[in-house]
Structures are given as structure tokens and as C-alpha cells.
């Protein structure tokens, strides 16, 4: 069981390349090129990185500052952040600050909120950071390719009084579709990815490397910030021999709790902050396993204990994070809107087009015909029956500023969808009519096939905001709309 999902790359060859790679360090944080306080300058450009390591050549990527992930930007809650983004790519780009409640003009959506950054140009993003938590940044211009080639990085907004831990560590999770020579496959935009699960790769990385081990010490307490930067892969991590507690989701504090069934589930773009007490014996090894896809489980890496513990037992200190200043929706007066997500392969094929052994020939032909027709008309997926073409469109909803709203979301497809709302966080009220246990605040909610989910928020950030699936192939193939707040 390994963190590659095919025989594209030989694990034996990789392991024979030397122990130095297997013991690579996981930095507590990697600051960007800070110029003064909360001012950064990052450059989008091609680069080559040791994605796989071992005896393989470096992988050609698109990067921020020559690294994947890009620089970890850190700022204190309430501070103003300025980031000058220089574009040295051969095409336009933007930067979207995922999960941050920024002014609309700083949201990084091409043509909707800003003109794209042309090759050779620089754009300065400047905004206050009202919420502490784990966020990330990535392009919204041709995102399905730019993100998958490596353009992303973590953004951490620190609390004024953080919880007491021994280490604060970020893991940016990703997967890559690699060829036998370790280079990225250029089969972007193919119909099967667009109409099914999205562009799922064959190699999983942590912080831009094919990881083998993560060094820990007995008695230490670690705050582990997980970010799913993959285009389409859903992660469900289990930590063998350990009991992680979730303390934040999508950057927003939640009552500390154990993950359901021991699995930390993250759809694309989602984040989770964990507190993990290291209670293993000296020299012990424990696997971290991704178990989301049935019969396709694999080992992401091993937790490896030092020969000497840090202390006898982890600290006994509170781990509840302070709430962020989010406006609480008034459910009693909230206006409700229905939103239905449709389309894709297999959707609508659960009836006469299916047999006990699978899809009938007639059903397959009909499905492919509908898919080709959808592609010709600019979309495979729909939101309320409309397939988006580009980022500029008439709003699907116009909401009054400062009013409370409930969105009743229905996934009328055969596939999972992580649905993301820009500019706001929302409470997840219920699933399939049952109230959620933690009423968690999120900005990206993962919906299972045919599932109904209710979310609520106060429309307190004016502007035109994207509302879309964050499986980036689904977004580019039509599953996107605009919500206007006036």
C-alpha cells in the first residue's frame, strides 16, 4: 500500500535512490519573501522541482517563487495583507484567496472582479484579514490546469492567542497525473475527467514531495493544518494508533471532536485543523492512510517516533479555538432558495439505461451523445439548469445585504461535489433533513451523490461572488454560478 496508485513509477527504484529523501523535513512554516511586516511579493513562473525525488528527473511545474507549494504566507488576525503578484508565465493568471472574506475587487476572479494579470505584469492584492484560520491561494484563471501544474500555496492567519502546542505544521495535500518519466501528463480538458470524477492523479504528495515519513516525538502535541489542493481527489485520512481531534474546518473554529469513523474527510479546497497528541513508544511507526475510495486505500506516509520522547505525556491544555467575527444567520427570518446541481456522466442513467451488470450499450451511447452535445454548447454540468461559460454571467441569485439566507442544495448527480461560495462562510445546518451535529462554519461543503444539504449565512459582503464546484474540471465544464449581494 503506497502513495502511488498505478505502476507508472517504480517504488523500488524510488526507495533504492537513498534515505535522504525518505527523511525529508516538514518545516513548521515556510515564510514567503516578506518585505515589511505583512507585505509579500510572489512570482508565478515555470520551475522544476524534485516532486518524486530518488533517481527521477525534476518535474516541470508552474510555481510561486519556484516552489510547490508556494510560500506560506503568515499574517496576524486583523492585520492588513499586501501581496504583489508578478506574472512570469506565458499566459494570464490571477490569485484567489480561498476562504478569506476579502473585498470583491480582491477576490481574483478573472473579468468578474479584476482584469487578469498579463504576462510580465504585476497586480497588488491588499485586504484586511478578519478571520484567523487556515486558508490558501490559487489562480481562478484556467484553474483546472494552472492549479494542477502547481500554482497554489498556504495562507495562515494566526490567532492573537493561539492554543498551546509544540508544533504548528501545515500539510498541503495534492495528487498528480504523472507519466513514467515523472512529468505531468498534459491531457488536460478531456471529456472523461470533465464528466465524471475530475482529474484524479496517480501520485499523492505532501508539501510538494512524495513523502515517506513524518518525524514525531513522544509526549508532543501537534497542530496539523491540512489543505486539500488537489483538482479532484477527495482525501479521507486515518491516523493509525492516534486520536486526532478536529478543532477547525475551512479555517473556522468548531467544538473539538473526533472525526466521524476516525476519518478526516477533505474534498478539494477544504481544510481541517487537527490537534494530535503523540503517545506512541520510542521508535514506533504508524501509518497515515487515505481510505476514501473503496478498495483503493493507500499509505500516505508513516509517523515515525524519535528514540527519546519530548516529555512523559502531552500537555493538558484547552484546545478550543476562539470564534471568528462571523454574523450569525437568523434562521427564523431567513429567506430560502433552492439550488440544484445537475449533469455529468451517469446522471439520469439510473433507470432504463442501466442493467444489473452495468450500463447498457444503448445507455452508453445515449450518455455519450448527451455529453458531446453538452460540450458543444459549453457545458457538461449545470446549476439550476444553466451551464456556465466563463466567469461573467447574470447572477443566479440577487441577495439583499445584511439579510439572512438559507440555500437548500440538491446534488442531482451521480458524483461528489465540493461546493464553494466566495466572499462568505456559511453554517452547514443539515444533511438529508437531519441537523448537523456541530453546525460547522465552512466555505466549501462536500455533497455526496443525490444528497441534499442546507446551508445558511448572512449576505454581508457586497459584490458578485462565484458559487461553484471545486472539482476544477466540473467548474470549467459548467458547474458555476454568480450570487450577487447588493
Protein backbone atom coordinates (compact mmCIF):
# COMPACT_ATOMS: atom_id res chain seq x y z
CA UNK A 1 0.00 0.00 0.00
CA UNK A 2 1.72 3.19 -1.16
CA UNK A 3 1.02 6.74 -2.17
CA UNK A 4 1.12 5.94 -5.86
CA UNK A 5 -1.96 4.44 -7.47
CA UNK A 6 -0.54 2.82 -10.61
CA UNK A 7 2.65 1.26 -11.93
CA UNK A 8 3.58 4.46 -13.73
CA UNK A 9 6.53 4.95 -11.36
CA UNK A 10 8.55 2.15 -9.77
CA UNK A 11 8.53 2.34 -5.98
CA UNK A 12 11.54 0.00 -5.72
CA UNK A 13 13.59 2.33 -7.90
CA UNK A 14 12.48 5.24 -5.78
CA UNK A 15 13.42 3.62 -2.46
CA UNK A 16 16.80 2.49 -3.77
CA UNK A 17 17.66 6.09 -4.53
CA UNK A 18 18.65 6.82 -0.96
CA UNK A 19 17.42 7.51 2.55
CA UNK A 20 17.86 11.26 2.33
CA UNK A 21 14.59 11.73 0.51
CA UNK A 22 12.65 9.45 2.85
CA UNK A 23 13.77 11.50 5.82
CA UNK A 24 12.93 14.87 4.32
CA UNK A 25 11.95 17.59 6.77
CA UNK A 26 8.47 19.03 7.22
CA UNK A 27 9.04 22.67 8.13
CA UNK A 28 6.81 24.24 10.75
CA UNK A 29 6.25 27.04 8.27
CA UNK A 30 8.00 28.43 5.20
CA UNK A 31 7.64 32.22 5.11
CA UNK A 32 7.45 33.95 1.76
CA UNK A 33 9.61 36.84 0.65
CA UNK A 34 8.27 39.28 3.19
CA UNK A 35 9.36 42.84 2.56
CA UNK A 36 7.91 44.51 5.65
CA UNK A 37 5.52 43.07 8.21
CA UNK A 38 2.57 41.71 6.23
CA UNK A 39 3.84 42.62 2.78
CA UNK A 40 4.84 39.86 0.37
CA UNK A 41 5.93 39.57 -3.23
CA UNK A 42 5.38 36.30 -5.07
CA UNK A 43 6.10 35.40 -8.67
CA UNK A 44 4.16 32.94 -10.81
CA UNK A 45 6.66 31.23 -13.11
CA UNK A 46 7.73 27.88 -14.55
CA UNK A 47 10.13 25.83 -12.45
CA UNK A 48 11.47 22.34 -11.92
CA UNK A 49 11.06 20.64 -8.55
CA UNK A 50 12.05 17.26 -7.05
CA UNK A 51 8.42 16.16 -6.83
CA UNK A 52 9.24 12.44 -6.73
CA UNK A 53 12.88 12.54 -5.70
CA UNK A 54 15.08 9.49 -5.90
CA UNK A 55 16.61 8.85 -9.29
CA UNK A 56 13.88 10.63 -11.21
CA UNK A 57 14.41 13.93 -13.02
CA UNK A 58 12.84 17.01 -11.54
CA UNK A 59 9.25 17.64 -12.61
CA UNK A 60 8.43 20.68 -14.74
CA UNK A 61 5.75 22.69 -12.89
CA UNK A 62 4.22 26.13 -12.68
CA UNK A 63 5.06 27.65 -9.33
CA UNK A 64 5.05 30.59 -6.99
CA UNK A 65 8.66 31.60 -6.33
CA UNK A 66 9.98 28.38 -7.85
CA UNK A 67 8.46 26.08 -5.22
CA UNK A 68 5.43 23.80 -4.85
CA UNK A 69 3.56 24.68 -2.77
CA UNK A 70 4.29 28.39 -2.93
CA UNK A 71 5.50 30.41 0.06
CA UNK A 72 3.49 30.01 3.24
CA UNK A 73 2.09 33.46 3.89
CA UNK A 74 1.51 34.22 7.58
CA UNK A 75 -0.32 37.21 8.99
CA UNK A 76 -1.90 38.06 12.33
CA UNK A 77 -5.68 38.25 12.63
CA UNK A 78 -6.91 41.79 11.95
CA UNK A 79 -3.76 42.84 10.09
CA UNK A 80 -3.73 44.17 6.57
CA UNK A 81 -2.05 41.95 4.00
CA UNK A 82 -0.48 43.22 0.79
CA UNK A 83 0.74 40.74 -1.82
CA UNK A 84 2.32 41.87 -5.07
CA UNK A 85 1.87 39.08 -7.64
CA UNK A 86 4.19 39.14 -10.63
CA UNK A 87 3.26 37.01 -13.64
CA UNK A 88 6.19 35.39 -15.48
CA UNK A 89 4.04 32.76 -17.14
CA UNK A 90 3.30 32.82 -20.85
CA UNK A 91 -0.41 33.29 -20.15
CA UNK A 92 -2.71 35.37 -17.97
CA UNK A 93 -3.33 34.47 -14.35
CA UNK A 94 -4.99 35.70 -11.14
CA UNK A 95 -4.86 34.83 -7.44
CA UNK A 96 -7.95 33.88 -5.43
CA UNK A 97 -7.62 33.93 -1.64
CA UNK A 98 -9.68 30.86 -0.85
CA UNK A 99 -11.87 31.15 2.26
CA UNK A 100 -10.85 34.70 3.14
CA UNK A 101 -13.66 37.24 3.35
CA UNK A 102 -11.96 39.80 1.14
CA UNK A 103 -13.47 42.81 -0.67
CA UNK A 104 -14.93 41.80 -4.02
CA UNK A 105 -12.25 43.64 -6.02
CA UNK A 106 -9.57 41.48 -4.34
CA UNK A 107 -11.25 38.11 -4.99
CA UNK A 108 -9.15 37.19 -8.02
CA UNK A 109 -11.87 36.08 -10.43
CA UNK A 110 -10.85 37.00 -13.99
CA UNK A 111 -13.06 39.59 -15.72
CA UNK A 112 -15.68 39.40 -12.95
CA UNK A 113 -13.66 41.12 -10.19
CA UNK A 114 -10.43 42.09 -11.97
CA UNK A 115 -8.68 42.04 -15.32
CA UNK A 116 -6.34 39.03 -15.46
CA UNK A 117 -2.68 39.66 -14.77
CA UNK A 118 -0.98 39.65 -18.18
CA UNK A 119 2.45 38.11 -18.72
CA UNK A 120 5.10 40.48 -17.41
CA UNK A 121 2.65 42.46 -15.29
CA UNK A 122 2.21 42.76 -11.51
CA UNK A 123 -1.01 43.15 -9.54
CA UNK A 124 -1.13 44.15 -5.87
CA UNK A 125 -3.76 42.50 -3.68
CA UNK A 126 -4.47 44.35 -0.42
CA UNK A 127 -7.07 43.44 2.20
CA UNK A 128 -7.68 43.03 5.92
CA UNK A 129 -7.77 39.54 7.43
CA UNK A 130 -10.76 39.42 9.81
CA UNK A 131 -10.71 35.67 10.47
CA UNK A 132 -7.95 33.56 11.99
CA UNK A 133 -7.50 30.15 10.42
CA UNK A 134 -6.09 28.00 7.64
CA UNK A 135 -6.65 29.31 4.11
CA UNK A 136 -4.88 29.02 0.77
CA UNK A 137 -4.32 30.84 -2.50
CA UNK A 138 -4.53 29.70 -6.13
CA UNK A 139 -5.46 31.01 -9.61
CA UNK A 140 -9.01 31.31 -10.90
CA UNK A 141 -7.80 31.82 -14.49
CA UNK A 142 -7.78 28.45 -16.29
CA UNK A 143 -7.63 26.99 -12.81
CA UNK A 144 -8.07 23.35 -13.82
CA UNK A 145 -4.64 23.46 -15.49
CA UNK A 146 -2.84 26.20 -13.57
CA UNK A 147 -3.62 24.70 -10.16
CA UNK A 148 -2.84 21.17 -11.31
CA UNK A 149 0.57 22.29 -12.58
CA UNK A 150 1.44 23.53 -9.07
CA UNK A 151 0.17 27.08 -8.64
CA UNK A 152 -1.04 27.19 -5.03
CA UNK A 153 0.20 27.96 -1.53
CA UNK A 154 -0.97 28.11 2.11
CA UNK A 155 -2.10 31.27 3.85
CA UNK A 156 -2.24 31.13 7.65
CA UNK A 157 -3.94 33.83 9.72
CA UNK A 158 -2.68 33.46 13.28
CA UNK A 159 -4.86 33.95 16.36
CA UNK A 160 -3.85 36.68 18.82
CA UNK A 161 -3.67 33.96 21.48
CA UNK A 162 -3.02 30.60 19.81
CA UNK A 163 -3.70 27.32 21.55
CA UNK A 164 -0.63 25.80 23.21
CA UNK A 165 1.05 23.18 21.02
CA UNK A 166 4.63 22.07 20.49
CA UNK A 167 4.49 22.43 16.72
CA UNK A 168 2.19 24.15 14.23
CA UNK A 169 2.59 22.24 10.95
CA UNK A 170 0.94 22.61 7.54
CA UNK A 171 0.43 19.72 5.13
CA UNK A 172 -0.68 20.73 1.65
CA UNK A 173 -2.13 17.59 0.06
CA UNK A 174 -2.20 17.10 -3.69
CA UNK A 175 -2.18 14.42 -6.33
CA UNK A 176 -0.54 14.46 -9.73
CA UNK A 177 -1.13 12.65 -13.01
CA UNK A 178 2.45 11.72 -13.85
CA UNK A 179 3.99 9.96 -16.85
CA UNK A 180 6.67 7.25 -16.48
CA UNK A 181 9.41 9.90 -16.69
CA UNK A 182 7.91 11.80 -13.72
CA UNK A 183 6.50 14.64 -15.84
CA UNK A 184 2.92 15.93 -15.66
CA UNK A 185 0.57 14.44 -18.23
CA UNK A 186 -0.77 17.19 -20.49
CA UNK A 187 -4.15 15.53 -21.13
CA UNK A 188 -5.99 18.49 -19.62
CA UNK A 189 -9.61 19.12 -20.54
CA UNK A 190 -10.53 15.60 -21.61
CA UNK A 191 -14.20 14.66 -21.61
CA UNK A 192 -13.95 11.73 -19.18
CA UNK A 193 -12.41 13.94 -16.50
CA UNK A 194 -14.89 16.72 -17.16
CA UNK A 195 -17.95 14.48 -16.99
CA UNK A 196 -17.01 12.09 -14.20
CA UNK A 197 -14.84 12.41 -11.07
CA UNK A 198 -12.48 15.10 -12.38
CA UNK A 199 -8.73 14.89 -12.97
CA UNK A 200 -7.59 12.37 -10.37
CA UNK A 201 -3.86 11.65 -10.42
CA UNK A 202 -1.65 8.64 -9.76
CA UNK A 203 0.79 10.10 -7.21
CA UNK A 204 -0.04 11.78 -3.88
CA UNK A 205 2.27 14.36 -2.32
CA UNK A 206 2.54 16.28 0.92
CA UNK A 207 4.03 19.77 0.65
CA UNK A 208 5.08 19.06 -2.92
CA UNK A 209 7.02 15.88 -2.22
CA UNK A 210 6.38 12.16 -2.35
CA UNK A 211 6.61 11.74 1.41
CA UNK A 212 7.74 8.67 3.31
CA UNK A 213 7.92 9.71 6.96
CA UNK A 214 6.92 12.46 9.35
CA UNK A 215 9.12 12.64 12.45
CA UNK A 216 7.39 12.99 15.84
CA UNK A 217 8.35 12.68 19.49
CA UNK A 218 6.51 11.01 22.32
CA UNK A 219 4.62 13.44 24.52
CA UNK A 220 4.39 16.23 21.97
CA UNK A 221 1.21 17.94 20.84
CA UNK A 222 0.99 18.92 17.16
CA UNK A 223 -1.42 21.25 15.46
CA UNK A 224 -1.71 19.85 11.96
CA UNK A 225 -3.25 22.10 9.31
CA UNK A 226 -4.48 20.05 6.33
CA UNK A 227 -5.18 21.72 2.97
CA UNK A 228 -6.53 19.75 0.00
CA UNK A 229 -5.09 21.46 -3.08
CA UNK A 230 -5.96 18.62 -5.48
CA UNK A 231 -8.13 19.30 -8.51
CA UNK A 232 -10.48 16.42 -7.80
CA UNK A 233 -9.17 13.87 -5.29
CA UNK A 234 -11.12 13.55 -2.05
CA UNK A 235 -8.93 12.54 0.89
CA UNK A 236 -10.13 10.58 3.95
CA UNK A 237 -7.15 10.27 6.28
CA UNK A 238 -6.91 7.83 9.18
CA UNK A 239 -4.05 8.10 11.69
CA UNK A 240 -3.33 4.59 12.91
CA UNK A 241 -2.79 4.38 16.67
CA UNK A 242 -3.75 8.02 17.22
CA UNK A 243 -6.86 10.02 18.08
CA UNK A 244 -6.84 13.34 16.23
CA UNK A 245 -9.34 15.98 17.24
CA UNK A 246 -10.75 18.41 14.71
CA UNK A 247 -10.58 21.98 16.05
CA UNK A 248 -11.34 23.94 12.84
CA UNK A 249 -12.90 23.33 9.43
CA UNK A 250 -12.20 25.61 6.47
CA UNK A 251 -10.42 27.95 8.85
CA UNK A 252 -13.39 28.34 11.19
CA UNK A 253 -13.28 27.03 14.78
CA UNK A 254 -15.51 24.12 15.72
CA UNK A 255 -16.11 22.33 19.01
CA UNK A 256 -13.16 19.92 19.29
CA UNK A 257 -14.27 16.45 18.29
CA UNK A 258 -13.08 13.16 16.89
CA UNK A 259 -13.68 12.73 13.16
CA UNK A 260 -16.59 10.50 12.16
CA UNK A 261 -15.45 6.89 11.83
CA UNK A 262 -11.91 8.05 12.56
CA UNK A 263 -11.54 9.55 9.05
CA UNK A 264 -10.70 13.18 8.31
CA UNK A 265 -12.56 13.76 5.02
CA UNK A 266 -11.49 16.66 2.82
CA UNK A 267 -12.92 17.42 -0.61
CA UNK A 268 -10.90 19.60 -2.96
CA UNK A 269 -10.23 23.08 -1.48
CA UNK A 270 -11.34 22.05 2.03
CA UNK A 271 -9.18 22.40 5.14
CA UNK A 272 -9.11 20.91 8.62
CA UNK A 273 -7.05 21.83 11.68
CA UNK A 274 -6.26 18.83 13.88
CA UNK A 275 -4.69 18.53 17.29
CA UNK A 276 -2.83 15.25 17.61
CA UNK A 277 -1.20 14.05 20.83
CA UNK A 278 1.79 11.83 20.12
CA UNK A 279 1.50 8.90 22.50
CA UNK A 280 3.50 6.20 20.70
CA UNK A 281 6.54 4.37 22.06
CA UNK A 282 10.08 5.43 21.12
CA UNK A 283 10.99 4.17 17.65
CA UNK A 284 7.41 3.21 16.78
CA UNK A 285 5.90 3.71 13.30
CA UNK A 286 2.25 4.34 12.47
CA UNK A 287 0.68 4.68 9.05
CA UNK A 288 -1.42 7.59 7.81
CA UNK A 289 -3.79 6.01 5.27
CA UNK A 290 -6.14 7.55 2.72
CA UNK A 291 -9.30 5.43 2.72
CA UNK A 292 -11.81 7.47 0.73
CA UNK A 293 -12.08 5.39 -2.43
CA UNK A 294 -13.30 1.87 -1.73
CA UNK A 295 -10.72 -0.83 -2.50
CA UNK A 296 -8.19 1.87 -3.42
CA UNK A 297 -6.76 2.61 0.02
CA UNK A 298 -3.08 3.58 0.18
CA UNK A 299 -0.47 4.68 2.69
CA UNK A 300 0.26 8.40 2.51
CA UNK A 301 3.22 8.30 4.92
CA UNK A 302 4.36 6.97 8.31
CA UNK A 303 4.53 8.79 11.63
CA UNK A 304 7.96 7.80 12.99
CA UNK A 305 8.78 8.30 16.66
CA UNK A 306 12.15 9.52 17.87
CA UNK A 307 14.16 7.28 20.17
CA UNK A 308 13.73 9.75 23.02
CA UNK A 309 10.37 11.28 23.98
CA UNK A 310 9.92 15.02 24.32
CA UNK A 311 8.13 14.54 27.64
CA UNK A 312 6.24 11.85 29.51
CA UNK A 313 2.81 12.92 28.28
CA UNK A 314 1.31 15.63 26.02
CA UNK A 315 0.29 18.90 27.69
CA UNK A 316 -3.14 19.04 29.29
CA UNK A 317 -4.26 22.41 27.96
CA UNK A 318 -7.50 23.63 26.31
CA UNK A 319 -7.68 23.24 22.54
CA UNK A 320 -10.90 25.14 21.81
CA UNK A 321 -10.17 27.99 19.39
CA UNK A 322 -11.77 31.41 19.78
CA UNK A 323 -14.63 32.09 17.38
CA UNK A 324 -14.15 34.41 14.42
CA UNK A 325 -16.35 37.51 14.00
CA UNK A 326 -18.96 35.93 11.72
CA UNK A 327 -22.52 37.23 11.64
CA UNK A 328 -24.95 34.58 12.87
CA UNK A 329 -27.78 33.94 10.37
CA UNK A 330 -31.30 34.44 11.72
CA UNK A 331 -32.89 31.14 10.73
CA UNK A 332 -36.40 32.25 11.74
CA UNK A 333 -36.44 35.11 9.23
CA UNK A 334 -34.08 33.68 6.61
CA UNK A 335 -35.23 33.53 3.01
CA UNK A 336 -34.75 30.10 1.40
CA UNK A 337 -33.59 29.43 -2.15
CA UNK A 338 -33.35 26.06 -3.90
CA UNK A 339 -30.15 25.30 -5.82
CA UNK A 340 -29.86 22.13 -7.90
CA UNK A 341 -26.62 20.81 -9.35
CA UNK A 342 -27.07 18.59 -12.39
CA UNK A 343 -25.39 16.94 -15.36
CA UNK A 344 -22.36 14.74 -15.79
CA UNK A 345 -21.91 11.17 -16.91
CA UNK A 346 -24.17 8.55 -15.30
CA UNK A 347 -26.60 11.22 -14.08
CA UNK A 348 -30.09 10.28 -15.21
CA UNK A 349 -28.81 6.83 -16.19
CA UNK A 350 -30.05 5.03 -13.10
CA UNK A 351 -33.20 3.90 -14.85
CA UNK A 352 -33.60 2.18 -18.22
CA UNK A 353 -30.03 2.90 -19.29
CA UNK A 354 -28.60 0.62 -16.60
CA UNK A 355 -28.52 -3.16 -16.32
CA UNK A 356 -27.56 -5.36 -13.39
CA UNK A 357 -24.09 -5.69 -14.92
CA UNK A 358 -23.71 -2.01 -15.63
CA UNK A 359 -24.68 0.41 -18.37
CA UNK A 360 -26.38 -0.99 -21.46
CA UNK A 361 -24.95 -0.28 -24.88
CA UNK A 362 -27.91 1.93 -25.67
CA UNK A 363 -27.49 3.75 -22.38
CA UNK A 364 -23.77 4.34 -23.01
CA UNK A 365 -24.46 5.68 -26.48
CA UNK A 366 -27.15 7.99 -25.16
CA UNK A 367 -24.93 9.23 -22.34
CA UNK A 368 -22.00 9.94 -24.69
CA UNK A 369 -24.35 11.71 -27.08
CA UNK A 370 -25.60 14.00 -24.32
CA UNK A 371 -22.04 14.61 -23.16
CA UNK A 372 -20.88 15.59 -26.65
CA UNK A 373 -23.90 17.84 -27.07
CA UNK A 374 -23.13 19.45 -23.71
CA UNK A 375 -19.52 20.03 -24.69
CA UNK A 376 -20.58 21.67 -27.96
CA UNK A 377 -22.82 24.04 -26.04
CA UNK A 378 -20.15 24.91 -23.49
CA UNK A 379 -21.11 22.79 -20.51
CA UNK A 380 -21.44 19.32 -19.05
CA UNK A 381 -22.66 20.38 -15.61
CA UNK A 382 -25.40 22.80 -14.58
CA UNK A 383 -26.51 24.96 -11.68
CA UNK A 384 -30.29 25.37 -11.69
CA UNK A 385 -30.30 24.09 -15.24
CA UNK A 386 -27.71 26.54 -16.60
CA UNK A 387 -24.17 25.61 -17.63
CA UNK A 388 -21.72 28.45 -17.08
CA UNK A 389 -19.47 29.68 -19.88
CA UNK A 390 -16.68 31.77 -18.40
CA UNK A 391 -16.77 33.73 -15.17
CA UNK A 392 -19.03 36.60 -16.26
CA UNK A 393 -22.73 35.74 -16.22
CA UNK A 394 -26.06 37.01 -14.97
CA UNK A 395 -26.48 36.33 -11.24
CA UNK A 396 -28.38 33.18 -10.33
CA UNK A 397 -29.46 34.92 -7.11
CA UNK A 398 -29.55 38.57 -6.01
CA UNK A 399 -29.43 38.90 -2.23
CA UNK A 400 -30.03 41.93 -0.03
CA UNK A 401 -27.05 42.99 2.02
CA UNK A 402 -27.17 42.08 5.73
CA UNK A 403 -30.13 39.71 5.34
CA UNK A 404 -30.03 36.03 6.30
CA UNK A 405 -30.45 33.31 3.68
CA UNK A 406 -30.76 29.55 3.55
CA UNK A 407 -29.64 27.73 0.43
CA UNK A 408 -31.20 24.28 0.03
CA UNK A 409 -28.65 22.48 -2.12
CA UNK A 410 -29.52 19.35 -4.08
CA UNK A 411 -26.83 17.26 -5.75
CA UNK A 412 -28.87 15.67 -8.53
CA UNK A 413 -25.85 13.86 -9.99
CA UNK A 414 -24.01 10.56 -9.58
CA UNK A 415 -20.80 12.26 -8.34
CA UNK A 416 -19.44 14.08 -5.30
CA UNK A 417 -19.21 17.87 -5.47
CA UNK A 418 -17.37 20.22 -3.05
CA UNK A 419 -19.43 23.41 -3.42
CA UNK A 420 -17.59 26.66 -2.65
CA UNK A 421 -19.02 30.15 -2.03
CA UNK A 422 -16.67 33.09 -2.43
CA UNK A 423 -16.59 36.01 0.00
CA UNK A 424 -18.56 34.32 2.80
CA UNK A 425 -18.58 31.47 5.27
CA UNK A 426 -21.80 29.59 5.93
CA UNK A 427 -23.24 27.31 8.57
CA UNK A 428 -23.99 23.76 7.46
CA UNK A 429 -27.42 23.27 9.02
CA UNK A 430 -28.44 19.81 7.90
CA UNK A 431 -27.99 16.86 5.59
CA UNK A 432 -30.89 14.85 4.23
CA UNK A 433 -33.20 16.67 6.65
CA UNK A 434 -31.18 15.78 9.76
CA UNK A 435 -29.43 18.58 11.69
CA UNK A 436 -25.65 18.52 11.65
CA UNK A 437 -24.05 17.72 14.98
CA UNK A 438 -21.64 20.65 15.06
CA UNK A 439 -23.39 23.23 12.82
CA UNK A 440 -19.93 23.86 11.40
CA UNK A 441 -18.95 27.02 9.57
CA UNK A 442 -17.45 26.24 6.17
CA UNK A 443 -16.81 27.88 2.81
CA UNK A 444 -16.75 24.59 0.87
CA UNK A 445 -19.27 21.83 1.57
CA UNK A 446 -18.81 18.31 0.22
CA UNK A 447 -22.02 16.84 -1.18
CA UNK A 448 -22.41 13.12 -1.83
CA UNK A 449 -24.31 11.86 -4.90
CA UNK A 450 -28.04 12.65 -4.67
CA UNK A 451 -27.54 14.34 -1.29
CA UNK A 452 -29.47 17.37 -0.02
CA UNK A 453 -27.66 19.88 2.21
CA UNK A 454 -28.90 23.09 3.81
CA UNK A 455 -26.52 25.98 4.46
CA UNK A 456 -27.18 29.43 5.98
CA UNK A 457 -25.30 32.71 6.01
CA UNK A 458 -25.67 36.47 6.28
CA UNK A 459 -25.09 38.17 2.92
CA UNK A 460 -22.84 40.84 4.41
CA UNK A 461 -20.13 41.16 1.75
CA UNK A 462 -21.32 43.16 -1.30
CA UNK A 463 -20.40 42.19 -4.83
CA UNK A 464 -20.69 39.43 -7.41
CA UNK A 465 -19.44 36.16 -5.90
CA UNK A 466 -18.67 32.85 -7.56
CA UNK A 467 -20.59 29.79 -6.33
CA UNK A 468 -19.16 26.65 -7.88
CA UNK A 469 -17.94 23.10 -7.60
CA UNK A 470 -14.27 22.97 -6.61
CA UNK A 471 -13.57 19.87 -8.62
CA UNK A 472 -11.97 22.19 -11.11
CA UNK A 473 -12.91 20.16 -14.18
CA UNK A 474 -16.55 20.37 -13.09
CA UNK A 475 -16.27 24.13 -12.64
CA UNK A 476 -14.72 24.67 -16.07
CA UNK A 477 -17.39 22.40 -17.62
CA UNK A 478 -20.29 24.48 -16.34
CA UNK A 479 -20.90 23.91 -12.60
CA UNK A 480 -20.58 27.54 -11.62
CA UNK A 481 -22.85 30.49 -10.96
CA UNK A 482 -22.79 34.03 -9.57
CA UNK A 483 -24.50 35.20 -6.38
CA UNK A 484 -24.91 38.98 -6.21
CA UNK A 485 -25.06 40.80 -2.87
CA UNK A 486 -26.35 44.36 -3.10
